Amino acid sequence: MLFIDRAPHQDPSGCFPLGDFAPSEVFNLTDGVAWVWSGPNCDGRVTQAILPGQVAIGHGMSLFIE
């Protein structure tokens, strides 16, 4: 399970948008790393990795998880 701003995503995979005007809170309850990207649609560069079990503020515009 992946939570982005408290919205649940069951069995997440692919690219998800993050907040447009404020950084999003991400709670990664999956077995994989959630990669935060600087641009929309998982473009640009990776700005941070959110590890399994970690809660973090996503400092970017999108998030990719396998």
C-alpha atoms as a PDB file:
ATOM      1  CA  MET A   1       0.000   0.000   0.000  1.00  0.00           C
ATOM      2  CA  LEU A   2       1.190   3.496  -0.840  1.00  0.00           C
ATOM      3  CA  PHE A   3      -0.380   6.616   0.641  1.00  0.00           C
ATOM      4  CA  ILE A   4       0.025   9.981  -1.084  1.00  0.00           C
ATOM      5  CA  ASP A   5      -1.478  12.791   0.987  1.00  0.00           C
ATOM      6  CA  ARG A   6      -3.430  10.105   2.905  1.00  0.00           C
ATOM      7  CA  ALA A   7      -5.024   8.734  -0.296  1.00  0.00           C
ATOM      8  CA  PRO A   8      -4.452   4.950  -0.468  1.00  0.00           C
ATOM      9  CA  HIS A   9      -3.095   3.195  -3.563  1.00  0.00           C
ATOM     10  CA  GLN A  10      -3.430  -0.608  -3.384  1.00  0.00           C
ATOM     11  CA  ASP A  11      -0.670  -2.542  -5.247  1.00  0.00           C
ATOM     12  CA  PRO A  12       0.775   0.638  -6.774  1.00  0.00           C
ATOM     13  CA  SER A  13       2.948   0.620  -9.861  1.00  0.00           C
ATOM     14  CA  GLY A  14       3.980   3.310 -12.290  1.00  0.00           C
ATOM     15  CA  CYS A  15       4.002   7.079 -12.042  1.00  0.00           C
ATOM     16  CA  PHE A  16       1.836   9.122  -9.670  1.00  0.00           C
ATOM     17  CA  PRO A  17       1.465  12.920  -9.516  1.00  0.00           C
ATOM     18  CA  LEU A  18       2.436  14.734  -6.338  1.00  0.00           C
ATOM     19  CA  GLY A  19       1.061  18.041  -5.031  1.00  0.00           C
ATOM     20  CA  ASP A  20       1.181  20.974  -7.428  1.00  0.00           C
ATOM     21  CA  PHE A  21       1.414  23.736  -4.838  1.00  0.00           C
ATOM     22  CA  ALA A  22       2.737  22.028  -1.716  1.00  0.00           C
ATOM     23  CA  PRO A  23       4.960  18.981  -1.186  1.00  0.00           C
ATOM     24  CA  SER A  24       3.054  15.727  -0.697  1.00  0.00           C
ATOM     25  CA  GLU A  25       3.285  13.425   2.288  1.00  0.00           C
ATOM     26  CA  VAL A  26       4.189   9.903   1.150  1.00  0.00           C
ATOM     27  CA  PHE A  27       3.889   6.771   3.292  1.00  0.00           C
ATOM     28  CA  ASN A  28       5.504   3.830   1.521  1.00  0.00           C
ATOM     29  CA  LEU A  29       4.139   0.531   2.845  1.00  0.00           C
ATOM     30  CA  THR A  30       5.318  -1.459  -0.194  1.00  0.00           C
ATOM     31  CA  ASP A  31       8.362  -3.699  -0.599  1.00  0.00           C
ATOM     32  CA  GLY A  32       9.924  -1.325  -3.144  1.00  0.00           C
ATOM     33  CA  VAL A  33      11.584   2.064  -3.220  1.00  0.00           C
ATOM     34  CA  ALA A  34       9.399   5.018  -4.245  1.00  0.00           C
ATOM     35  CA  TRP A  35      11.434   7.408  -6.436  1.00  0.00           C
ATOM     36  CA  VAL A  36      10.474  11.103  -6.380  1.00  0.00           C
ATOM     37  CA  TRP A  37      11.058  13.001  -9.632  1.00  0.00           C
ATOM     38  CA  SER A  38      11.601  16.726 -10.131  1.00  0.00           C
ATOM     39  CA  GLY A  39       9.166  16.977 -13.053  1.00  0.00           C
ATOM     40  CA  PRO A  40       5.652  15.819 -13.863  1.00  0.00           C
ATOM     41  CA  ASN A  41       5.079  12.371 -15.400  1.00  0.00           C
ATOM     42  CA  CYS A  42       8.309  11.083 -13.802  1.00  0.00           C
ATOM     43  CA  ASP A  43      10.469  13.345 -15.974  1.00  0.00           C
ATOM     44  CA  GLY A  44      13.489  15.361 -14.957  1.00  0.00           C
ATOM     45  CA  ARG A  45      15.746  13.904 -12.314  1.00  0.00           C
ATOM     46  CA  VAL A  46      15.287  11.808  -9.195  1.00  0.00           C
ATOM     47  CA  THR A  47      15.236  14.092  -6.164  1.00  0.00           C
ATOM     48  CA  GLN A  48      14.737  11.509  -3.435  1.00  0.00           C
ATOM     49  CA  ALA A  49      14.153   7.864  -2.594  1.00  0.00           C
ATOM     50  CA  ILE A  50      11.457   6.889  -0.091  1.00  0.00           C
ATOM     51  CA  LEU A  51      12.313   3.477   1.311  1.00  0.00           C
ATOM     52  CA  PRO A  52       9.822   0.767   2.310  1.00  0.00           C
ATOM     53  CA  GLY A  53       8.168   1.622   5.631  1.00  0.00           C
ATOM     54  CA  GLN A  54       9.242   5.253   5.444  1.00  0.00           C
ATOM     55  CA  VAL A  55       7.063   8.368   5.751  1.00  0.00           C
ATOM     56  CA  ALA A  56       8.510  11.408   4.000  1.00  0.00           C
ATOM     57  CA  ILE A  57       7.633  14.668   2.327  1.00  0.00           C
ATOM     58  CA  GLY A  58       8.046  14.192  -1.428  1.00  0.00           C
ATOM     59  CA  HIS A  59      10.076  17.112  -2.726  1.00  0.00           C
ATOM     60  CA  GLY A  60       9.198  16.787  -6.397  1.00  0.00           C
ATOM     61  CA  MET A  61       6.297  16.730  -8.826  1.00  0.00           C
ATOM     62  CA  SER A  62       5.827  12.980  -9.350  1.00  0.00           C
ATOM     63  CA  LEU A  63       6.636   9.594  -7.869  1.00  0.00           C
ATOM     64  CA  PHE A  64       7.522   6.288  -9.527  1.00  0.00           C
ATOM     65  CA  ILE A  65       7.205   2.874  -7.934  1.00  0.00           C
ATOM     66  CA  GLU A  66       7.501  -0.603  -9.496  1.00  0.00           C
END
